Every structure is written in C-alpha cells, then in structure tokens.
Amino acid sequence: MNTSTSIDVPDLFAASYGANGAEARAWLADLPRLGGEFLDRWRLRPDGPAAYGMASLVLPVLQSDGTPAVLKLQQLREETAGTAPGPGRRGGDGAGAAAAGRG
C-alpha cells in the first residue's frame, strides 16, 4: 500500500522502546510509515498528540464520520499476538476502548 501519511513517534518512547534490541529498533524505524498505513486504511485522522506506555503508542484519532477513536500500535510479539487490529472508541466505557494496529 502506498501512503503519504506518516505519524510522529515521540523521542522518549523511541529511546525507551529501542533499548529492547535490534528488532525493536527496526520496528520503531518503520513505525511512522506503518502508522500512516493504518490511518489511511481505516480513513482515520490524527486528533492530538500520541500517548505511550512501555510497549505501545496510542494515537487519538477521528474516524471518517468524526467519531473520536484511538489507534494503538505495538510490535507484534508472542504476548501481543491475540490483540485485534482496528480503531477503538475514545472516551468510551470499559477497558476495551482501544484496539491495536500491529506490524
């Protein structure tokens, strides 16, 4: 998929996650393109600065109809393999509000 969209990866997340080794650094290097690909695929628009934890980047987005959502991006690893890809609700009820886009 050709995409002109890319995302910004916060420096602190990149530095922290990159300490996990060569595979993590390779994933981080591809993350701006990968995130842009998911934004384009699901017709999402960024809607604020990214948040992050130890292993994932969470982007606030708007769906094509203007509904707020989030896009969670994390490296595909054994412990994350069961996470479903796709945009999730933002400001919704319950812990399942964020879905994952993995690469």
Protein backbone atom coordinates (compact mmCIF):
# COMPACT_ATOMS: atom_id res chain seq x y z
CA MET A 1 0.00 0.00 0.00
CA ASN A 2 1.39 3.40 -0.95
CA THR A 3 0.81 6.01 1.70
CA SER A 4 1.74 9.64 2.04
CA THR A 5 0.61 9.78 5.65
CA SER A 6 3.06 9.20 8.47
CA ILE A 7 2.99 9.64 12.21
CA ASP A 8 5.36 11.24 14.69
CA VAL A 9 6.95 8.89 17.20
CA PRO A 10 7.78 10.64 20.48
CA ASP A 11 11.53 10.68 21.16
CA LEU A 12 11.12 9.38 24.72
CA PHE A 13 9.10 6.38 23.52
CA ALA A 14 11.64 5.63 20.79
CA ALA A 15 14.56 5.83 23.23
CA SER A 16 12.86 3.66 25.83
CA TYR A 17 11.44 1.03 23.49
CA GLY A 18 14.56 0.97 21.33
CA ALA A 19 16.50 -0.35 24.31
CA ASN A 20 14.72 -3.70 23.74
CA GLY A 21 17.11 -4.66 20.96
CA ALA A 22 17.57 -4.67 17.21
CA GLU A 23 14.05 -5.94 16.37
CA ALA A 24 12.50 -3.17 18.46
CA ARG A 25 14.69 -0.55 16.77
CA ALA A 26 13.75 -1.88 13.32
CA TRP A 27 10.05 -1.71 14.24
CA LEU A 28 10.50 1.86 15.53
CA ALA A 29 12.22 2.87 12.29
CA ASP A 30 9.21 1.59 10.32
CA LEU A 31 6.58 2.93 12.75
CA PRO A 32 5.96 6.31 11.04
CA ARG A 33 5.13 4.53 7.76
CA LEU A 34 3.22 1.72 9.46
CA GLY A 35 1.11 4.14 11.49
CA GLY A 36 0.35 6.16 8.38
CA GLU A 37 -0.70 3.00 6.58
CA PHE A 38 -3.22 2.17 9.31
CA LEU A 39 -4.52 5.76 9.31
CA ASP A 40 -5.06 5.58 5.56
CA ARG A 41 -6.50 2.04 5.61
CA TRP A 42 -9.18 2.93 8.14
CA ARG A 43 -9.62 6.56 6.96
CA LEU A 44 -8.57 7.96 10.33
CA ARG A 45 -7.32 11.48 11.03
CA PRO A 46 -4.87 12.24 13.86
CA ASP A 47 -6.51 14.28 16.62
CA GLY A 48 -3.87 15.23 19.15
CA PRO A 49 -0.50 14.14 20.49
CA ALA A 50 0.37 10.48 20.87
CA ALA A 51 0.44 8.81 24.26
CA TYR A 52 2.60 5.81 25.01
CA GLY A 53 3.43 3.18 27.56
CA MET A 54 6.23 0.68 27.80
CA ALA A 55 5.32 -1.23 24.65
CA SER A 56 2.76 0.69 22.60
CA LEU A 57 1.97 4.02 21.02
CA VAL A 58 -1.63 5.27 21.25
CA LEU A 59 -2.85 7.89 18.79
CA PRO A 60 -6.06 9.85 19.35
CA VAL A 61 -7.85 9.89 16.01
CA LEU A 62 -11.13 10.80 14.35
CA GLN A 63 -12.95 8.28 12.20
CA SER A 64 -14.23 9.39 8.79
CA ASP A 65 -17.60 10.31 10.34
CA GLY A 66 -15.92 12.45 13.03
CA THR A 67 -16.29 9.90 15.84
CA PRO A 68 -13.33 10.08 18.27
CA ALA A 69 -11.28 6.91 18.48
CA VAL A 70 -7.78 5.69 19.29
CA LEU A 71 -5.27 3.69 17.30
CA LYS A 72 -2.91 1.58 19.41
CA LEU A 73 0.28 0.47 17.70
CA GLN A 74 2.53 -2.17 19.17
CA GLN A 75 5.13 -4.55 17.84
CA LEU A 76 3.76 -7.98 17.03
CA ARG A 77 5.25 -10.30 19.62
CA GLU A 78 4.11 -13.56 21.17
CA GLU A 79 2.47 -11.82 24.13
CA THR A 80 0.55 -9.38 21.89
CA ALA A 81 -0.47 -11.75 19.09
CA GLY A 82 -4.09 -12.02 20.28
CA THR A 83 -4.79 -8.29 20.18
CA ALA A 84 -7.33 -7.40 17.50
CA PRO A 85 -6.38 -4.72 14.95
CA GLY A 86 -8.61 -1.74 14.27
CA PRO A 87 -9.61 1.61 15.67
CA GLY A 88 -11.23 1.68 19.09
CA ARG A 89 -13.54 4.08 20.88
CA ARG A 90 -12.07 7.04 22.71
CA GLY A 91 -13.74 8.27 25.87
CA GLY A 92 -15.92 5.18 25.88
CA ASP A 93 -16.87 2.82 28.65
CA GLY A 94 -14.66 -0.05 29.71
CA ALA A 95 -11.09 -1.11 29.26
CA GLY A 96 -11.65 -2.43 25.75
CA ALA A 97 -11.85 1.03 24.21
CA ALA A 98 -8.51 0.75 22.38
CA ALA A 99 -7.83 -1.80 19.70
CA ALA A 100 -4.39 -2.43 18.26
CA GLY A 101 -2.79 -1.89 14.91
CA ARG A 102 0.24 -4.12 14.78
CA GLY A 103 3.03 -4.57 12.37
